[in-house]
Amino acid sequence: MAAKLKIKKGDRVIVISGRDKGKTGDVLKVTPVKNRAIVQGVNMIKLHQRPSQTVQGGIVEKEAAIDISNLAHIDPKDQQATRVGFKVLEGGRKVRFAKRSGEVIDT
């Protein structure tokens, strides 16, 4: 069974370890079963693409999946790495918030 993750598609994250440490980007895809995410402009790899009717052949660069443990949310207030918590608002809605500043991440 997949773990409940605090990172979702569309979130702004920063890489906290690995060869791309310090890079930021938006999450394009999350795979909870494998605990991995694809982040725009991070962990770029080169693929050798065969030509087809729709795609021209050659060497193509694209993003590869990175482990969730190497990512941290970016605080909306000061653009620093932050941990994420959950709280329930007055209306009964459960939202994620940045523990660094207390700002609500979900819109």
N, C-alpha and C. Protein backbone atom coordinates (compact mmCIF):
# COMPACT_ATOMS: atom_id res chain seq x y z
N MET A 1 0.84 -1.19 0.00
CA MET A 1 0.00 0.00 0.00
C MET A 1 0.88 1.24 0.00
N ALA A 2 0.47 2.26 -0.74
CA ALA A 2 1.25 3.48 -0.87
C ALA A 2 1.11 4.35 0.37
N ALA A 3 2.19 5.04 0.71
CA ALA A 3 2.18 5.93 1.87
C ALA A 3 1.47 7.24 1.51
N LYS A 4 0.91 7.91 2.51
CA LYS A 4 0.28 9.22 2.32
C LYS A 4 1.39 10.25 2.21
N LEU A 5 1.43 10.96 1.09
CA LEU A 5 2.49 11.92 0.84
C LEU A 5 1.99 13.34 1.07
N LYS A 6 2.93 14.22 1.42
CA LYS A 6 2.59 15.62 1.65
C LYS A 6 2.91 16.47 0.43
N ILE A 7 3.43 15.84 -0.61
CA ILE A 7 3.75 16.55 -1.86
C ILE A 7 2.73 16.15 -2.91
N LYS A 8 2.18 17.15 -3.61
CA LYS A 8 1.19 16.89 -4.64
C LYS A 8 1.62 17.54 -5.95
N LYS A 9 0.96 17.15 -7.03
CA LYS A 9 1.21 17.72 -8.34
C LYS A 9 0.94 19.23 -8.29
N GLY A 10 1.86 20.01 -8.84
CA GLY A 10 1.69 21.46 -8.88
C GLY A 10 2.39 22.19 -7.74
N ASP A 11 2.88 21.47 -6.73
CA ASP A 11 3.57 22.10 -5.60
C ASP A 11 4.93 22.63 -6.04
N ARG A 12 5.38 23.69 -5.38
CA ARG A 12 6.71 24.24 -5.61
C ARG A 12 7.64 23.61 -4.58
N VAL A 13 8.70 22.93 -5.05
CA VAL A 13 9.61 22.21 -4.15
C VAL A 13 11.06 22.58 -4.43
N ILE A 14 11.92 22.26 -3.46
CA ILE A 14 13.37 22.45 -3.59
C ILE A 14 14.03 21.10 -3.31
N VAL A 15 15.12 20.82 -4.02
CA VAL A 15 15.87 19.58 -3.82
C VAL A 15 16.83 19.81 -2.66
N ILE A 16 16.77 18.94 -1.63
CA ILE A 16 17.59 19.13 -0.44
C ILE A 16 18.81 18.23 -0.39
N SER A 17 18.90 17.24 -1.29
CA SER A 17 20.11 16.41 -1.33
C SER A 17 20.25 15.78 -2.71
N GLY A 18 21.48 15.40 -3.03
CA GLY A 18 21.76 14.79 -4.34
C GLY A 18 22.49 15.76 -5.25
N ARG A 19 22.68 15.35 -6.48
CA ARG A 19 23.48 16.16 -7.41
C ARG A 19 22.78 17.44 -7.82
N ASP A 20 21.45 17.51 -7.68
CA ASP A 20 20.69 18.71 -8.04
C ASP A 20 20.32 19.53 -6.81
N LYS A 21 21.05 19.39 -5.72
CA LYS A 21 20.74 20.08 -4.47
C LYS A 21 20.65 21.59 -4.70
N GLY A 22 19.58 22.20 -4.19
CA GLY A 22 19.38 23.64 -4.32
C GLY A 22 18.49 24.04 -5.47
N LYS A 23 18.24 23.15 -6.42
CA LYS A 23 17.37 23.48 -7.55
C LYS A 23 15.91 23.45 -7.12
N THR A 24 15.11 24.32 -7.74
CA THR A 24 13.69 24.37 -7.43
C THR A 24 12.89 24.10 -8.69
N GLY A 25 11.64 23.72 -8.51
CA GLY A 25 10.76 23.48 -9.64
C GLY A 25 9.39 23.06 -9.18
N ASP A 26 8.48 22.95 -10.14
CA ASP A 26 7.12 22.51 -9.86
C ASP A 26 7.01 21.01 -10.07
N VAL A 27 6.23 20.35 -9.23
CA VAL A 27 6.04 18.91 -9.33
C VAL A 27 5.11 18.64 -10.51
N LEU A 28 5.58 17.81 -11.46
CA LEU A 28 4.79 17.46 -12.64
C LEU A 28 3.97 16.20 -12.42
N LYS A 29 4.53 15.24 -11.65
CA LYS A 29 3.86 13.96 -11.44
C LYS A 29 4.36 13.34 -10.14
N VAL A 30 3.46 12.68 -9.42
CA VAL A 30 3.83 11.99 -8.18
C VAL A 30 3.42 10.53 -8.30
N THR A 31 4.34 9.63 -7.92
CA THR A 31 4.07 8.20 -7.92
C THR A 31 4.15 7.71 -6.47
N PRO A 32 3.02 7.67 -5.75
CA PRO A 32 3.05 7.29 -4.33
C PRO A 32 3.51 5.87 -4.08
N VAL A 33 3.25 4.95 -5.00
CA VAL A 33 3.63 3.55 -4.80
C VAL A 33 5.15 3.42 -4.71
N LYS A 34 5.87 4.21 -5.50
CA LYS A 34 7.33 4.14 -5.52
C LYS A 34 7.99 5.25 -4.71
N ASN A 35 7.20 6.13 -4.08
CA ASN A 35 7.72 7.28 -3.32
C ASN A 35 8.61 8.17 -4.17
N ARG A 36 8.19 8.45 -5.38
CA ARG A 36 8.99 9.26 -6.29
C ARG A 36 8.14 10.35 -6.93
N ALA A 37 8.82 11.39 -7.41
CA ALA A 37 8.12 12.50 -8.07
C ALA A 37 8.98 12.99 -9.23
N ILE A 38 8.33 13.57 -10.22
CA ILE A 38 9.03 14.20 -11.33
C ILE A 38 8.89 15.70 -11.16
N VAL A 39 10.04 16.40 -11.11
CA VAL A 39 10.06 17.84 -10.88
C VAL A 39 10.62 18.52 -12.13
N GLN A 40 9.98 19.60 -12.52
CA GLN A 40 10.35 20.31 -13.74
C GLN A 40 11.77 20.87 -13.64
N GLY A 41 12.64 20.48 -14.59
CA GLY A 41 14.00 20.98 -14.67
C GLY A 41 14.98 20.34 -13.70
N VAL A 42 14.58 19.30 -12.99
CA VAL A 42 15.44 18.65 -12.00
C VAL A 42 15.68 17.20 -12.41
N ASN A 43 16.89 16.70 -12.17
CA ASN A 43 17.27 15.31 -12.47
C ASN A 43 17.10 15.01 -13.96
N MET A 44 17.70 15.86 -14.79
CA MET A 44 17.60 15.72 -16.24
C MET A 44 18.46 14.56 -16.73
N ILE A 45 17.90 13.75 -17.65
CA ILE A 45 18.63 12.64 -18.26
C ILE A 45 18.55 12.78 -19.77
N LYS A 46 19.46 12.10 -20.46
CA LYS A 46 19.46 12.12 -21.92
C LYS A 46 19.01 10.76 -22.43
N LEU A 47 18.03 10.77 -23.31
CA LEU A 47 17.52 9.54 -23.91
C LEU A 47 17.86 9.55 -25.39
N HIS A 48 18.23 8.40 -25.92
CA HIS A 48 18.46 8.26 -27.34
C HIS A 48 17.14 7.81 -27.97
N GLN A 49 16.53 8.72 -28.72
CA GLN A 49 15.18 8.51 -29.26
C GLN A 49 15.26 8.04 -30.71
N ARG A 50 14.56 6.95 -31.03
CA ARG A 50 14.47 6.51 -32.41
C ARG A 50 13.47 7.37 -33.16
N PRO A 51 13.71 7.67 -34.40
CA PRO A 51 12.73 8.47 -35.14
C PRO A 51 11.45 7.67 -35.41
N SER A 52 10.33 8.36 -35.36
CA SER A 52 9.05 7.76 -35.71
C SER A 52 8.26 8.78 -36.51
N GLN A 53 7.01 8.48 -36.82
CA GLN A 53 6.22 9.41 -37.62
C GLN A 53 5.91 10.70 -36.86
N THR A 54 5.86 10.62 -35.54
CA THR A 54 5.51 11.81 -34.76
C THR A 54 6.71 12.49 -34.13
N VAL A 55 7.78 11.75 -33.83
CA VAL A 55 8.93 12.30 -33.12
C VAL A 55 10.18 12.18 -33.98
N GLN A 56 10.94 13.29 -34.03
CA GLN A 56 12.21 13.24 -34.75
C GLN A 56 13.23 12.52 -33.86
N GLY A 57 14.10 11.74 -34.45
CA GLY A 57 15.09 11.00 -33.68
C GLY A 57 16.19 11.90 -33.16
N GLY A 58 17.01 11.36 -32.26
CA GLY A 58 18.13 12.11 -31.71
C GLY A 58 18.21 11.94 -30.21
N ILE A 59 19.02 12.80 -29.59
CA ILE A 59 19.19 12.75 -28.14
C ILE A 59 18.22 13.75 -27.52
N VAL A 60 17.36 13.25 -26.64
CA VAL A 60 16.32 14.06 -26.02
C VAL A 60 16.60 14.16 -24.53
N GLU A 61 16.47 15.36 -23.97
CA GLU A 61 16.62 15.56 -22.52
C GLU A 61 15.24 15.61 -21.88
N LYS A 62 15.08 14.89 -20.77
CA LYS A 62 13.82 14.95 -20.05
C LYS A 62 14.07 14.71 -18.57
N GLU A 63 13.04 15.00 -17.75
CA GLU A 63 13.16 14.84 -16.31
C GLU A 63 12.97 13.38 -15.91
N ALA A 64 13.79 12.91 -14.99
CA ALA A 64 13.62 11.58 -14.42
C ALA A 64 13.04 11.73 -13.02
N ALA A 65 12.49 10.64 -12.49
CA ALA A 65 11.89 10.67 -11.15
C ALA A 65 12.96 10.83 -10.09
N ILE A 66 12.61 11.53 -9.02
CA ILE A 66 13.51 11.73 -7.88
C ILE A 66 12.75 11.30 -6.62
N ASP A 67 13.48 10.79 -5.64
CA ASP A 67 12.83 10.29 -4.43
C ASP A 67 12.21 11.44 -3.64
N ILE A 68 11.05 11.19 -3.06
CA ILE A 68 10.32 12.20 -2.29
C ILE A 68 11.14 12.68 -1.10
N SER A 69 11.96 11.80 -0.52
CA SER A 69 12.75 12.19 0.66
C SER A 69 13.80 13.24 0.33
N ASN A 70 14.11 13.43 -0.94
CA ASN A 70 15.09 14.44 -1.35
C ASN A 70 14.44 15.78 -1.68
N LEU A 71 13.14 15.91 -1.45
CA LEU A 71 12.40 17.13 -1.78
C LEU A 71 11.83 17.77 -0.52
N ALA A 72 11.72 19.10 -0.55
CA ALA A 72 11.06 19.83 0.54
C ALA A 72 10.21 20.93 -0.09
N HIS A 73 9.09 21.24 0.55
CA HIS A 73 8.24 22.32 0.09
C HIS A 73 8.97 23.64 0.22
N ILE A 74 8.58 24.60 -0.63
CA ILE A 74 9.10 25.96 -0.51
C ILE A 74 8.05 26.78 0.21
N ASP A 75 8.48 27.48 1.27
CA ASP A 75 7.57 28.32 2.04
C ASP A 75 7.08 29.47 1.17
N PRO A 76 5.76 29.68 1.07
CA PRO A 76 5.24 30.76 0.22
C PRO A 76 5.65 32.15 0.70
N LYS A 77 6.02 32.28 1.97
CA LYS A 77 6.34 33.59 2.53
C LYS A 77 7.78 34.01 2.23
N ASP A 78 8.77 33.14 2.52
CA ASP A 78 10.18 33.55 2.38
C ASP A 78 11.00 32.68 1.43
N GLN A 79 10.35 31.79 0.66
CA GLN A 79 11.02 30.98 -0.37
C GLN A 79 12.13 30.10 0.19
N GLN A 80 11.99 29.61 1.43
CA GLN A 80 12.95 28.70 2.04
C GLN A 80 12.30 27.32 2.16
N ALA A 81 13.13 26.29 2.35
CA ALA A 81 12.60 24.94 2.54
C ALA A 81 11.85 24.87 3.87
N THR A 82 10.73 24.16 3.87
CA THR A 82 9.92 24.04 5.08
C THR A 82 9.30 22.66 5.17
N ARG A 83 8.93 22.28 6.39
CA ARG A 83 8.17 21.06 6.58
C ARG A 83 6.69 21.40 6.45
N VAL A 84 5.87 20.36 6.31
CA VAL A 84 4.45 20.57 6.06
C VAL A 84 3.64 19.91 7.17
N GLY A 85 2.59 20.60 7.61
CA GLY A 85 1.68 20.04 8.59
C GLY A 85 0.26 20.14 8.07
N PHE A 86 -0.67 19.54 8.79
CA PHE A 86 -2.08 19.60 8.43
C PHE A 86 -2.85 20.28 9.55
N LYS A 87 -3.85 21.07 9.17
CA LYS A 87 -4.76 21.63 10.17
C LYS A 87 -6.14 21.77 9.54
N VAL A 88 -7.14 21.85 10.41
CA VAL A 88 -8.52 21.95 9.96
C VAL A 88 -8.98 23.39 10.18
N LEU A 89 -9.50 24.03 9.13
CA LEU A 89 -9.99 25.40 9.22
C LEU A 89 -11.38 25.42 9.85
N GLU A 90 -11.90 26.63 10.09
CA GLU A 90 -13.20 26.79 10.74
C GLU A 90 -14.31 26.11 9.96
N GLY A 91 -14.25 26.13 8.65
CA GLY A 91 -15.28 25.53 7.82
C GLY A 91 -15.24 24.01 7.78
N GLY A 92 -14.26 23.42 8.46
CA GLY A 92 -14.13 21.97 8.47
C GLY A 92 -13.24 21.44 7.36
N ARG A 93 -12.58 22.34 6.61
CA ARG A 93 -11.71 21.93 5.51
C ARG A 93 -10.30 21.66 6.03
N LYS A 94 -9.73 20.52 5.64
CA LYS A 94 -8.39 20.13 6.04
C LYS A 94 -7.40 20.68 5.00
N VAL A 95 -6.41 21.44 5.46
CA VAL A 95 -5.44 22.06 4.55
C VAL A 95 -4.02 21.76 5.03
N ARG A 96 -3.07 21.90 4.10
CA ARG A 96 -1.66 21.79 4.43
C ARG A 96 -1.13 23.19 4.73
N PHE A 97 -0.20 23.28 5.69
CA PHE A 97 0.40 24.58 6.00
C PHE A 97 1.90 24.42 6.19
N ALA A 98 2.64 25.51 5.94
CA ALA A 98 4.09 25.51 6.11
C ALA A 98 4.40 25.71 7.58
N LYS A 99 5.16 24.79 8.16
CA LYS A 99 5.49 24.89 9.58
C LYS A 99 6.44 26.04 9.86
N ARG A 100 7.18 26.50 8.88
CA ARG A 100 8.14 27.59 9.06
C ARG A 100 7.43 28.91 9.34
N SER A 101 6.39 29.21 8.55
CA SER A 101 5.73 30.51 8.67
C SER A 101 4.27 30.42 9.08
N GLY A 102 3.66 29.24 8.98
CA GLY A 102 2.25 29.09 9.29
C GLY A 102 1.33 29.39 8.12
N GLU A 103 1.89 29.73 6.95
CA GLU A 103 1.09 30.03 5.76
C GLU A 103 0.41 28.78 5.24
N VAL A 104 -0.81 28.92 4.74
CA VAL A 104 -1.54 27.80 4.15
C VAL A 104 -1.00 27.56 2.74
N ILE A 105 -0.67 26.30 2.42
CA ILE A 105 -0.13 25.94 1.10
C ILE A 105 -1.25 25.70 0.11
N ASP A 106 -2.32 24.99 0.54
CA ASP A 106 -3.45 24.71 -0.34
C ASP A 106 -4.23 25.99 -0.60
N THR A 107 -4.70 26.13 -1.84
CA THR A 107 -5.49 27.33 -2.16
C THR A 107 -6.96 27.00 -2.24
